[in-house]
Amino acid sequence: TDDFGRDVLARVLAGTRTSLLVMLLGLLLYSALGISIGALAGLFGGWI
C-alpha cells in the first residue's frame, strides 16, 4: 500500500488505462494536426 493505505497494484493497473488513454487521444490529435498542416503546406505551396 501507499501512504494512504491504497492498493499499489490496483492503482498501477488503473494507471495503465489512464496512460494508454492519454497516448491514444494524444496520438489522434497529434496526427490530425500534423497531417492537416503538412498537407496544406505541401499541396498549396507558396505563401501558405
All heavy atoms as atom14 arrays in JSON, in Angstrom:
{
  "sequence": "TDDFGRDVLARVLAGTRTSLLVMLLGLLLYSALGISIGALAGLFGGWI",
  "atom14_mask": [
    [1, 1, 1, 1, 1, 1, 1, 0, 0, 0, 0, 0, 0, 0],
    [1, 1, 1, 1, 1, 1, 1, 1, 0, 0, 0, 0, 0, 0],
    [1, 1, 1, 1, 1, 1, 1, 1, 0, 0, 0, 0, 0, 0],
    [1, 1, 1, 1, 1, 1, 1, 1, 1, 1, 1, 0, 0, 0],
    [1, 1, 1, 1, 0, 0, 0, 0, 0, 0, 0, 0, 0, 0],
    [1, 1, 1, 1, 1, 1, 1, 1, 1, 1, 1, 0, 0, 0],
    [1, 1, 1, 1, 1, 1, 1, 1, 0, 0, 0, 0, 0, 0],
    [1, 1, 1, 1, 1, 1, 1, 0, 0, 0, 0, 0, 0, 0],
    [1, 1, 1, 1, 1, 1, 1, 1, 0, 0, 0, 0, 0, 0],
    [1, 1, 1, 1, 1, 0, 0, 0, 0, 0, 0, 0, 0, 0],
    [1, 1, 1, 1, 1, 1, 1, 1, 1, 1, 1, 0, 0, 0],
    [1, 1, 1, 1, 1, 1, 1, 0, 0, 0, 0, 0, 0, 0],
    [1, 1, 1, 1, 1, 1, 1, 1, 0, 0, 0, 0, 0, 0],
    [1, 1, 1, 1, 1, 0, 0, 0, 0, 0, 0, 0, 0, 0],
    [1, 1, 1, 1, 0, 0, 0, 0, 0, 0, 0, 0, 0, 0],
    [1, 1, 1, 1, 1, 1, 1, 0, 0, 0, 0, 0, 0, 0],
    [1, 1, 1, 1, 1, 1, 1, 1, 1, 1, 1, 0, 0, 0],
    [1, 1, 1, 1, 1, 1, 1, 0, 0, 0, 0, 0, 0, 0],
    [1, 1, 1, 1, 1, 1, 0, 0, 0, 0, 0, 0, 0, 0],
    [1, 1, 1, 1, 1, 1, 1, 1, 0, 0, 0, 0, 0, 0],
    [1, 1, 1, 1, 1, 1, 1, 1, 0, 0, 0, 0, 0, 0],
    [1, 1, 1, 1, 1, 1, 1, 0, 0, 0, 0, 0, 0, 0],
    [1, 1, 1, 1, 1, 1, 1, 1, 0, 0, 0, 0, 0, 0],
    [1, 1, 1, 1, 1, 1, 1, 1, 0, 0, 0, 0, 0, 0],
    [1, 1, 1, 1, 1, 1, 1, 1, 0, 0, 0, 0, 0, 0],
    [1, 1, 1, 1, 0, 0, 0, 0, 0, 0, 0, 0, 0, 0],
    [1, 1, 1, 1, 1, 1, 1, 1, 0, 0, 0, 0, 0, 0],
    [1, 1, 1, 1, 1, 1, 1, 1, 0, 0, 0, 0, 0, 0],
    [1, 1, 1, 1, 1, 1, 1, 1, 0, 0, 0, 0, 0, 0],
    [1, 1, 1, 1, 1, 1, 1, 1, 1, 1, 1, 1, 0, 0],
    [1, 1, 1, 1, 1, 1, 0, 0, 0, 0, 0, 0, 0, 0],
    [1, 1, 1, 1, 1, 0, 0, 0, 0, 0, 0, 0, 0, 0],
    [1, 1, 1, 1, 1, 1, 1, 1, 0, 0, 0, 0, 0, 0],
    [1, 1, 1, 1, 0, 0, 0, 0, 0, 0, 0, 0, 0, 0],
    [1, 1, 1, 1, 1, 1, 1, 1, 0, 0, 0, 0, 0, 0],
    [1, 1, 1, 1, 1, 1, 0, 0, 0, 0, 0, 0, 0, 0],
    [1, 1, 1, 1, 1, 1, 1, 1, 0, 0, 0, 0, 0, 0],
    [1, 1, 1, 1, 0, 0, 0, 0, 0, 0, 0, 0, 0, 0],
    [1, 1, 1, 1, 1, 0, 0, 0, 0, 0, 0, 0, 0, 0],
    [1, 1, 1, 1, 1, 1, 1, 1, 0, 0, 0, 0, 0, 0],
    [1, 1, 1, 1, 1, 0, 0, 0, 0, 0, 0, 0, 0, 0],
    [1, 1, 1, 1, 0, 0, 0, 0, 0, 0, 0, 0, 0, 0],
    [1, 1, 1, 1, 1, 1, 1, 1, 0, 0, 0, 0, 0, 0],
    [1, 1, 1, 1, 1, 1, 1, 1, 1, 1, 1, 0, 0, 0],
    [1, 1, 1, 1, 0, 0, 0, 0, 0, 0, 0, 0, 0, 0],
    [1, 1, 1, 1, 0, 0, 0, 0, 0, 0, 0, 0, 0, 0],
    [1, 1, 1, 1, 1, 1, 1, 1, 1, 1, 1, 1, 1, 1],
    [1, 1, 1, 1, 1, 1, 1, 1, 0, 0, 0, 0, 0, 0]
  ],
  "atom14_positions": [
    [[0.84, -1.19, 0.0], [0.0, 0.0, 0.0], [0.88, 1.25, 0.0], [2.08, 1.2, 0.26], [-0.93, 0.02, 1.23], [-0.13, 0.09, 2.43], [-1.79, -1.22, 1.28], [0.0, 0.0, 0.0], [0.0, 0.0, 0.0], [0.0, 0.0, 0.0], [0.0, 0.0, 0.0], [0.0, 0.0, 0.0], [0.0, 0.0, 0.0], [0.0, 0.0, 0.0]],
    [[0.23, 2.39, -0.27], [0.96, 3.66, -0.27], [0.73, 4.4, 1.03], [0.28, 3.81, 2.02], [0.55, 4.5, -1.48], [-0.93, 4.86, -1.47], [-1.63, 4.54, -0.48], [-1.41, 5.45, -2.46], [0.0, 0.0, 0.0], [0.0, 0.0, 0.0], [0.0, 0.0, 0.0], [0.0, 0.0, 0.0], [0.0, 0.0, 0.0], [0.0, 0.0, 0.0]],
    [[1.0, 5.69, 1.06], [0.92, 6.46, 2.3], [-0.51, 6.63, 2.79], [-0.72, 6.96, 3.96], [1.57, 7.83, 2.12], [1.06, 8.57, 0.9], [0.46, 7.91, 0.02], [1.25, 9.79, 0.81], [0.0, 0.0, 0.0], [0.0, 0.0, 0.0], [0.0, 0.0, 0.0], [0.0, 0.0, 0.0], [0.0, 0.0, 0.0], [0.0, 0.0, 0.0]],
    [[-1.52, 6.41, 1.94], [-2.91, 6.48, 2.36], [-3.54, 5.1, 2.5], [-4.76, 5.0, 2.64], [-3.74, 7.32, 1.38], [-3.44, 8.79, 1.45], [-2.63, 9.4, 0.51], [-3.95, 9.57, 2.48], [-2.35, 10.74, 0.57], [-3.68, 10.92, 2.55], [-2.87, 11.52, 1.59], [0.0, 0.0, 0.0], [0.0, 0.0, 0.0], [0.0, 0.0, 0.0]],
    [[-2.74, 4.07, 2.43], [-3.26, 2.72, 2.56], [-4.0, 2.23, 1.33], [-4.86, 1.34, 1.44], [0.0, 0.0, 0.0], [0.0, 0.0, 0.0], [0.0, 0.0, 0.0], [0.0, 0.0, 0.0], [0.0, 0.0, 0.0], [0.0, 0.0, 0.0], [0.0, 0.0, 0.0], [0.0, 0.0, 0.0], [0.0, 0.0, 0.0], [0.0, 0.0, 0.0]],
    [[-3.69, 2.77, 0.16], [-4.34, 2.35, -1.07], [-3.52, 1.25, -1.74], [-2.29, 1.24, -1.66], [-4.52, 3.53, -2.02], [-5.47, 4.6, -1.48], [-5.44, 5.85, -2.32], [-4.14, 6.5, -2.28], [-3.9, 7.73, -2.73], [-4.89, 8.44, -3.26], [-2.7, 8.25, -2.66], [0.0, 0.0, 0.0], [0.0, 0.0, 0.0], [0.0, 0.0, 0.0]],
    [[-4.23, 0.35, -2.41], [-3.6, -0.79, -3.07], [-2.72, -0.3, -4.23], [-3.22, 0.28, -5.2], [-4.68, -1.73, -3.58], [-4.13, -3.07, -4.03], [-2.95, -3.13, -4.4], [-4.88, -4.06, -4.02], [0.0, 0.0, 0.0], [0.0, 0.0, 0.0], [0.0, 0.0, 0.0], [0.0, 0.0, 0.0], [0.0, 0.0, 0.0], [0.0, 0.0, 0.0]],
    [[-1.41, -0.53, -4.13], [-0.47, -0.05, -5.15], [-0.73, -0.75, -6.47], [-0.76, -0.11, -7.54], [0.98, -0.26, -4.69], [1.95, 0.03, -5.83], [1.3, 0.63, -3.49], [0.0, 0.0, 0.0], [0.0, 0.0, 0.0], [0.0, 0.0, 0.0], [0.0, 0.0, 0.0], [0.0, 0.0, 0.0], [0.0, 0.0, 0.0], [0.0, 0.0, 0.0]],
    [[-0.93, -2.07, -6.45], [-1.15, -2.8, -7.69], [-2.44, -2.35, -8.37], [-2.48, -2.18, -9.6], [-1.2, -4.3, -7.43], [-1.42, -5.19, -8.65], [-0.29, -5.0, -9.65], [-1.55, -6.65, -8.25], [0.0, 0.0, 0.0], [0.0, 0.0, 0.0], [0.0, 0.0, 0.0], [0.0, 0.0, 0.0], [0.0, 0.0, 0.0], [0.0, 0.0, 0.0]],
    [[-3.51, -2.15, -7.61], [-4.77, -1.69, -8.2], [-4.61, -0.33, -8.85], [-5.16, -0.06, -9.92], [-5.86, -1.66, -7.12], [0.0, 0.0, 0.0], [0.0, 0.0, 0.0], [0.0, 0.0, 0.0], [0.0, 0.0, 0.0], [0.0, 0.0, 0.0], [0.0, 0.0, 0.0], [0.0, 0.0, 0.0], [0.0, 0.0, 0.0], [0.0, 0.0, 0.0]],
    [[-3.84, 0.55, -8.21], [-3.62, 1.89, -8.78], [-2.74, 1.83, -10.03], [-2.94, 2.59, -10.97], [-3.02, 2.8, -7.72], [-4.02, 3.2, -6.64], [-3.37, 3.93, -5.49], [-2.66, 5.13, -5.89], [-3.24, 6.29, -6.22], [-4.57, 6.38, -6.2], [-2.52, 7.34, -6.55], [0.0, 0.0, 0.0], [0.0, 0.0, 0.0], [0.0, 0.0, 0.0]],
    [[-1.76, 0.93, -10.03], [-0.92, 0.78, -11.22], [-1.74, 0.24, -12.39], [-1.6, 0.7, -13.53], [0.27, -0.14, -10.92], [0.99, -0.55, -12.2], [1.25, 0.55, -9.98], [0.0, 0.0, 0.0], [0.0, 0.0, 0.0], [0.0, 0.0, 0.0], [0.0, 0.0, 0.0], [0.0, 0.0, 0.0], [0.0, 0.0, 0.0], [0.0, 0.0, 0.0]],
    [[-2.62, -0.72, -12.12], [-3.47, -1.27, -13.18], [-4.42, -0.2, -13.71], [-4.62, -0.09, -14.93], [-4.25, -2.47, -12.66], [-3.42, -3.69, -12.25], [-4.33, -4.78, -11.67], [-2.64, -4.23, -13.43], [0.0, 0.0, 0.0], [0.0, 0.0, 0.0], [0.0, 0.0, 0.0], [0.0, 0.0, 0.0], [0.0, 0.0, 0.0], [0.0, 0.0, 0.0]],
    [[-5.01, 0.59, -12.81], [-5.87, 1.68, -13.26], [-5.06, 2.74, -13.99], [-5.54, 3.35, -14.96], [-6.6, 2.29, -12.06], [0.0, 0.0, 0.0], [0.0, 0.0, 0.0], [0.0, 0.0, 0.0], [0.0, 0.0, 0.0], [0.0, 0.0, 0.0], [0.0, 0.0, 0.0], [0.0, 0.0, 0.0], [0.0, 0.0, 0.0], [0.0, 0.0, 0.0]],
    [[-3.81, 2.98, -13.55], [-2.95, 3.93, -14.23], [-2.58, 3.49, -15.64], [-2.34, 4.33, -16.51], [0.0, 0.0, 0.0], [0.0, 0.0, 0.0], [0.0, 0.0, 0.0], [0.0, 0.0, 0.0], [0.0, 0.0, 0.0], [0.0, 0.0, 0.0], [0.0, 0.0, 0.0], [0.0, 0.0, 0.0], [0.0, 0.0, 0.0], [0.0, 0.0, 0.0]],
    [[-2.53, 2.17, -15.87], [-2.29, 1.67, -17.22], [-3.39, 2.13, -18.16], [-3.12, 2.57, -19.29], [-2.23, 0.13, -17.21], [-1.22, -0.29, -16.29], [-1.93, -0.41, -18.59], [0.0, 0.0, 0.0], [0.0, 0.0, 0.0], [0.0, 0.0, 0.0], [0.0, 0.0, 0.0], [0.0, 0.0, 0.0], [0.0, 0.0, 0.0], [0.0, 0.0, 0.0]],
    [[-4.62, 2.06, -17.7], [-5.74, 2.51, -18.53], [-5.63, 4.01, -18.8], [-5.86, 4.47, -19.93], [-7.05, 2.18, -17.82], [-8.31, 2.59, -18.57], [-9.52, 2.03, -17.86], [-9.55, 2.45, -16.47], [-9.99, 1.67, -15.48], [-10.42, 0.45, -15.73], [-10.0, 2.12, -14.23], [0.0, 0.0, 0.0], [0.0, 0.0, 0.0], [0.0, 0.0, 0.0]],
    [[-5.27, 4.79, -17.77], [-5.15, 6.23, -17.95], [-4.02, 6.58, -18.91], [-4.16, 7.43, -19.79], [-4.9, 6.9, -16.59], [-5.96, 6.57, -15.69], [-4.83, 8.41, -16.74], [0.0, 0.0, 0.0], [0.0, 0.0, 0.0], [0.0, 0.0, 0.0], [0.0, 0.0, 0.0], [0.0, 0.0, 0.0], [0.0, 0.0, 0.0], [0.0, 0.0, 0.0]],
    [[-2.87, 5.91, -18.76], [-1.72, 6.21, -19.62], [-2.0, 5.86, -21.07], [-1.65, 6.61, -21.99], [-0.49, 5.44, -19.12], [-0.14, 5.86, -17.82], [0.0, 0.0, 0.0], [0.0, 0.0, 0.0], [0.0, 0.0, 0.0], [0.0, 0.0, 0.0], [0.0, 0.0, 0.0], [0.0, 0.0, 0.0], [0.0, 0.0, 0.0], [0.0, 0.0, 0.0]],
    [[-2.64, 4.71, -21.31], [-2.99, 4.35, -22.68], [-4.02, 5.3, -23.28], [-3.99, 5.6, -24.47], [-3.5, 2.91, -22.72], [-2.48, 1.81, -22.47], [-3.11, 0.44, -22.63], [-1.27, 1.94, -23.39], [0.0, 0.0, 0.0], [0.0, 0.0, 0.0], [0.0, 0.0, 0.0], [0.0, 0.0, 0.0], [0.0, 0.0, 0.0], [0.0, 0.0, 0.0]],
    [[-4.93, 5.78, -22.44], [-5.92, 6.75, -22.92], [-5.24, 8.05, -23.31], [-5.6, 8.67, -24.33], [-6.98, 6.98, -21.84], [-8.17, 7.87, -22.21], [-8.93, 7.26, -23.39], [-9.09, 8.04, -21.02], [0.0, 0.0, 0.0], [0.0, 0.0, 0.0], [0.0, 0.0, 0.0], [0.0, 0.0, 0.0], [0.0, 0.0, 0.0], [0.0, 0.0, 0.0]],
    [[-4.26, 8.48, -22.5], [-3.51, 9.69, -22.84], [-2.79, 9.51, -24.17], [-2.81, 10.4, -25.04], [-2.51, 10.02, -21.71], [-1.51, 11.08, -22.16], [-3.25, 10.51, -20.47], [0.0, 0.0, 0.0], [0.0, 0.0, 0.0], [0.0, 0.0, 0.0], [0.0, 0.0, 0.0], [0.0, 0.0, 0.0], [0.0, 0.0, 0.0], [0.0, 0.0, 0.0]],
    [[-2.12, 8.36, -24.35], [-1.4, 8.13, -25.6], [-2.34, 8.04, -26.79], [-2.05, 8.59, -27.87], [-0.56, 6.86, -25.48], [0.68, 7.02, -24.63], [1.82, 5.62, -24.76], [0.89, 4.36, -23.87], [0.0, 0.0, 0.0], [0.0, 0.0, 0.0], [0.0, 0.0, 0.0], [0.0, 0.0, 0.0], [0.0, 0.0, 0.0], [0.0, 0.0, 0.0]],
    [[-3.49, 7.37, -26.64], [-4.42, 7.21, -27.75], [-4.99, 8.55, -28.19], [-4.94, 8.91, -29.37], [-5.54, 6.25, -27.35], [-6.64, 6.03, -28.39], [-6.06, 5.44, -29.66], [-7.75, 5.14, -27.83], [0.0, 0.0, 0.0], [0.0, 0.0, 0.0], [0.0, 0.0, 0.0], [0.0, 0.0, 0.0], [0.0, 0.0, 0.0], [0.0, 0.0, 0.0]],
    [[-5.53, 9.32, -27.24], [-6.1, 10.62, -27.59], [-5.02, 11.57, -28.08], [-5.23, 12.37, -29.01], [-6.84, 11.21, -26.39], [-8.09, 10.46, -25.93], [-8.72, 11.17, -24.74], [-9.1, 10.34, -27.05], [0.0, 0.0, 0.0], [0.0, 0.0, 0.0], [0.0, 0.0, 0.0], [0.0, 0.0, 0.0], [0.0, 0.0, 0.0], [0.0, 0.0, 0.0]],
    [[-3.84, 11.49, -27.44], [-2.74, 12.35, -27.86], [-2.3, 12.07, -29.28], [-2.06, 13.01, -30.06], [0.0, 0.0, 0.0], [0.0, 0.0, 0.0], [0.0, 0.0, 0.0], [0.0, 0.0, 0.0], [0.0, 0.0, 0.0], [0.0, 0.0, 0.0], [0.0, 0.0, 0.0], [0.0, 0.0, 0.0], [0.0, 0.0, 0.0], [0.0, 0.0, 0.0]],
    [[-2.19, 10.81, -29.64], [-1.76, 10.46, -31.0], [-2.81, 10.84, -32.03], [-2.48, 11.23, -33.16], [-1.45, 8.97, -31.08], [-0.21, 8.52, -30.29], [-0.04, 7.01, -30.41], [1.03, 9.24, -30.77], [0.0, 0.0, 0.0], [0.0, 0.0, 0.0], [0.0, 0.0, 0.0], [0.0, 0.0, 0.0], [0.0, 0.0, 0.0], [0.0, 0.0, 0.0]],
    [[-4.09, 10.73, -31.66], [-5.14, 11.17, -32.59], [-5.04, 12.65, -32.87], [-5.11, 13.09, -34.03], [-6.52, 10.81, -32.01], [-6.9, 9.34, -31.99], [-8.24, 9.14, -31.29], [-6.96, 8.77, -33.41], [0.0, 0.0, 0.0], [0.0, 0.0, 0.0], [0.0, 0.0, 0.0], [0.0, 0.0, 0.0], [0.0, 0.0, 0.0], [0.0, 0.0, 0.0]],
    [[-4.88, 13.44, -31.82], [-4.76, 14.89, -32.01], [-3.45, 15.26, -32.69], [-3.4, 16.14, -33.56], [-4.88, 15.59, -30.65], [-4.88, 17.12, -30.66], [-6.01, 17.64, -31.53], [-5.02, 17.65, -29.24], [0.0, 0.0, 0.0], [0.0, 0.0, 0.0], [0.0, 0.0, 0.0], [0.0, 0.0, 0.0], [0.0, 0.0, 0.0], [0.0, 0.0, 0.0]],
    [[-2.38, 14.57, -32.32], [-1.06, 14.8, -32.93], [-1.09, 14.52, -34.43], [-0.58, 15.32, -35.23], [-0.05, 13.9, -32.22], [1.29, 13.79, -32.88], [2.25, 14.8, -32.73], [1.63, 12.67, -33.63], [3.49, 14.69, -33.33], [2.87, 12.56, -34.23], [3.8, 13.56, -34.08], [5.03, 13.45, -34.66], [0.0, 0.0, 0.0], [0.0, 0.0, 0.0]],
    [[-1.69, 13.4, -34.81], [-1.76, 13.07, -36.23], [-2.68, 14.02, -36.98], [-2.4, 14.4, -38.13], [-2.22, 11.63, -36.42], [-3.5, 11.43, -35.83], [0.0, 0.0, 0.0], [0.0, 0.0, 0.0], [0.0, 0.0, 0.0], [0.0, 0.0, 0.0], [0.0, 0.0, 0.0], [0.0, 0.0, 0.0], [0.0, 0.0, 0.0], [0.0, 0.0, 0.0]],
    [[-3.79, 14.42, -36.35], [-4.71, 15.34, -37.01], [-4.03, 16.68, -37.29], [-4.15, 17.23, -38.4], [-5.96, 15.55, -36.15], [0.0, 0.0, 0.0], [0.0, 0.0, 0.0], [0.0, 0.0, 0.0], [0.0, 0.0, 0.0], [0.0, 0.0, 0.0], [0.0, 0.0, 0.0], [0.0, 0.0, 0.0], [0.0, 0.0, 0.0], [0.0, 0.0, 0.0]],
    [[-3.31, 17.21, -36.31], [-2.62, 18.49, -36.51], [-1.49, 18.35, -37.53], [-1.36, 19.17, -38.45], [-2.07, 18.99, -35.17], [-3.07, 19.53, -34.16], [-2.38, 19.83, -32.83], [-3.74, 20.79, -34.69], [0.0, 0.0, 0.0], [0.0, 0.0, 0.0], [0.0, 0.0, 0.0], [0.0, 0.0, 0.0], [0.0, 0.0, 0.0], [0.0, 0.0, 0.0]],
    [[-0.67, 17.31, -37.36], [0.48, 17.15, -38.24], [0.1, 16.9, -39.68], [0.66, 17.52, -40.6], [0.0, 0.0, 0.0], [0.0, 0.0, 0.0], [0.0, 0.0, 0.0], [0.0, 0.0, 0.0], [0.0, 0.0, 0.0], [0.0, 0.0, 0.0], [0.0, 0.0, 0.0], [0.0, 0.0, 0.0], [0.0, 0.0, 0.0], [0.0, 0.0, 0.0]],
    [[-0.87, 16.01, -39.9], [-1.28, 15.7, -41.28], [-1.96, 16.9, -41.93], [-1.7, 17.22, -43.1], [-2.19, 14.46, -41.29], [-1.41, 13.23, -40.84], [-2.77, 14.23, -42.68], [-2.27, 11.99, -40.67], [0.0, 0.0, 0.0], [0.0, 0.0, 0.0], [0.0, 0.0, 0.0], [0.0, 0.0, 0.0], [0.0, 0.0, 0.0], [0.0, 0.0, 0.0]],
    [[-2.83, 17.57, -41.19], [-3.57, 18.71, -41.77], [-2.61, 19.84, -42.16], [-2.67, 20.36, -43.28], [-4.61, 19.23, -40.77], [-5.54, 18.22, -40.44], [0.0, 0.0, 0.0], [0.0, 0.0, 0.0], [0.0, 0.0, 0.0], [0.0, 0.0, 0.0], [0.0, 0.0, 0.0], [0.0, 0.0, 0.0], [0.0, 0.0, 0.0], [0.0, 0.0, 0.0]],
    [[-1.73, 20.21, -41.24], [-0.82, 21.34, -41.52], [0.19, 20.95, -42.59], [0.49, 21.74, -43.5], [-0.12, 21.77, -40.22], [-1.16, 22.32, -39.23], [0.96, 22.81, -40.5], [-0.59, 22.67, -37.88], [0.0, 0.0, 0.0], [0.0, 0.0, 0.0], [0.0, 0.0, 0.0], [0.0, 0.0, 0.0], [0.0, 0.0, 0.0], [0.0, 0.0, 0.0]],
    [[0.73, 19.72, -42.51], [1.69, 19.29, -43.53], [1.06, 19.17, -44.9], [1.69, 19.52, -45.92], [0.0, 0.0, 0.0], [0.0, 0.0, 0.0], [0.0, 0.0, 0.0], [0.0, 0.0, 0.0], [0.0, 0.0, 0.0], [0.0, 0.0, 0.0], [0.0, 0.0, 0.0], [0.0, 0.0, 0.0], [0.0, 0.0, 0.0], [0.0, 0.0, 0.0]],
    [[-0.19, 18.68, -44.96], [-0.86, 18.55, -46.26], [-1.16, 19.92, -46.87], [-0.98, 20.13, -48.08], [-2.15, 17.75, -46.08], [0.0, 0.0, 0.0], [0.0, 0.0, 0.0], [0.0, 0.0, 0.0], [0.0, 0.0, 0.0], [0.0, 0.0, 0.0], [0.0, 0.0, 0.0], [0.0, 0.0, 0.0], [0.0, 0.0, 0.0], [0.0, 0.0, 0.0]],
    [[-1.6, 20.87, -46.05], [-1.86, 22.22, -46.57], [-0.59, 22.85, -47.12], [-0.6, 23.46, -48.2], [-2.44, 23.09, -45.45], [-3.89, 22.81, -45.05], [-4.28, 23.67, -43.86], [-4.83, 23.07, -46.22], [0.0, 0.0, 0.0], [0.0, 0.0, 0.0], [0.0, 0.0, 0.0], [0.0, 0.0, 0.0], [0.0, 0.0, 0.0], [0.0, 0.0, 0.0]],
    [[0.52, 22.69, -46.38], [1.77, 23.29, -46.83], [2.28, 22.63, -48.1], [2.76, 23.31, -49.02], [2.82, 23.18, -45.72], [0.0, 0.0, 0.0], [0.0, 0.0, 0.0], [0.0, 0.0, 0.0], [0.0, 0.0, 0.0], [0.0, 0.0, 0.0], [0.0, 0.0, 0.0], [0.0, 0.0, 0.0], [0.0, 0.0, 0.0], [0.0, 0.0, 0.0]],
    [[2.19, 21.3, -48.18], [2.71, 20.6, -49.35], [1.85, 20.74, -50.58], [2.37, 20.83, -51.71], [0.0, 0.0, 0.0], [0.0, 0.0, 0.0], [0.0, 0.0, 0.0], [0.0, 0.0, 0.0], [0.0, 0.0, 0.0], [0.0, 0.0, 0.0], [0.0, 0.0, 0.0], [0.0, 0.0, 0.0], [0.0, 0.0, 0.0], [0.0, 0.0, 0.0]],
    [[0.53, 20.76, -50.43], [-0.36, 20.79, -51.58], [-0.46, 22.18, -52.21], [-0.47, 22.31, -53.44], [-1.76, 20.31, -51.18], [-1.9, 18.82, -50.86], [-3.3, 18.52, -50.34], [-1.61, 17.97, -52.1], [0.0, 0.0, 0.0], [0.0, 0.0, 0.0], [0.0, 0.0, 0.0], [0.0, 0.0, 0.0], [0.0, 0.0, 0.0], [0.0, 0.0, 0.0]],
    [[-0.52, 23.21, -51.38], [-0.76, 24.56, -51.92], [0.53, 25.35, -52.13], [0.59, 26.2, -53.02], [-1.7, 25.33, -50.98], [-3.08, 24.75, -50.93], [-3.45, 23.91, -49.89], [-4.0, 25.0, -51.94], [-4.73, 23.36, -49.83], [-5.27, 24.46, -51.89], [-5.63, 23.63, -50.84], [0.0, 0.0, 0.0], [0.0, 0.0, 0.0], [0.0, 0.0, 0.0]],
    [[1.57, 25.07, -51.32], [2.84, 25.74, -51.51], [2.72, 27.24, -51.36], [1.8, 27.78, -50.73], [0.0, 0.0, 0.0], [0.0, 0.0, 0.0], [0.0, 0.0, 0.0], [0.0, 0.0, 0.0], [0.0, 0.0, 0.0], [0.0, 0.0, 0.0], [0.0, 0.0, 0.0], [0.0, 0.0, 0.0], [0.0, 0.0, 0.0], [0.0, 0.0, 0.0]],
    [[3.67, 27.97, -51.96], [3.61, 29.44, -51.95], [3.69, 30.02, -50.56], [4.41, 29.54, -49.67], [0.0, 0.0, 0.0], [0.0, 0.0, 0.0], [0.0, 0.0, 0.0], [0.0, 0.0, 0.0], [0.0, 0.0, 0.0], [0.0, 0.0, 0.0], [0.0, 0.0, 0.0], [0.0, 0.0, 0.0], [0.0, 0.0, 0.0], [0.0, 0.0, 0.0]],
    [[2.92, 31.1, -50.36], [2.97, 31.79, -49.08], [2.35, 30.96, -47.96], [2.72, 31.1, -46.78], [2.25, 33.13, -49.19], [0.77, 33.02, -49.45], [0.15, 32.99, -50.65], [-0.26, 32.95, -48.46], [-1.21, 32.87, -50.5], [-1.5, 32.86, -49.15], [-0.27, 32.95, -47.07], [-2.71, 32.77, -48.5], [-1.49, 32.87, -46.39], [-2.69, 32.79, -47.12]],
    [[1.41, 30.05, -48.3], [0.83, 29.18, -47.28], [1.9, 28.24, -46.73], [2.03, 28.04, -45.51], [-0.34, 28.38, -47.86], [-1.48, 29.32, -48.29], [-0.85, 27.35, -46.85], [-2.67, 28.6, -48.9], [0.0, 0.0, 0.0], [0.0, 0.0, 0.0], [0.0, 0.0, 0.0], [0.0, 0.0, 0.0], [0.0, 0.0, 0.0], [0.0, 0.0, 0.0]]
  ]
}
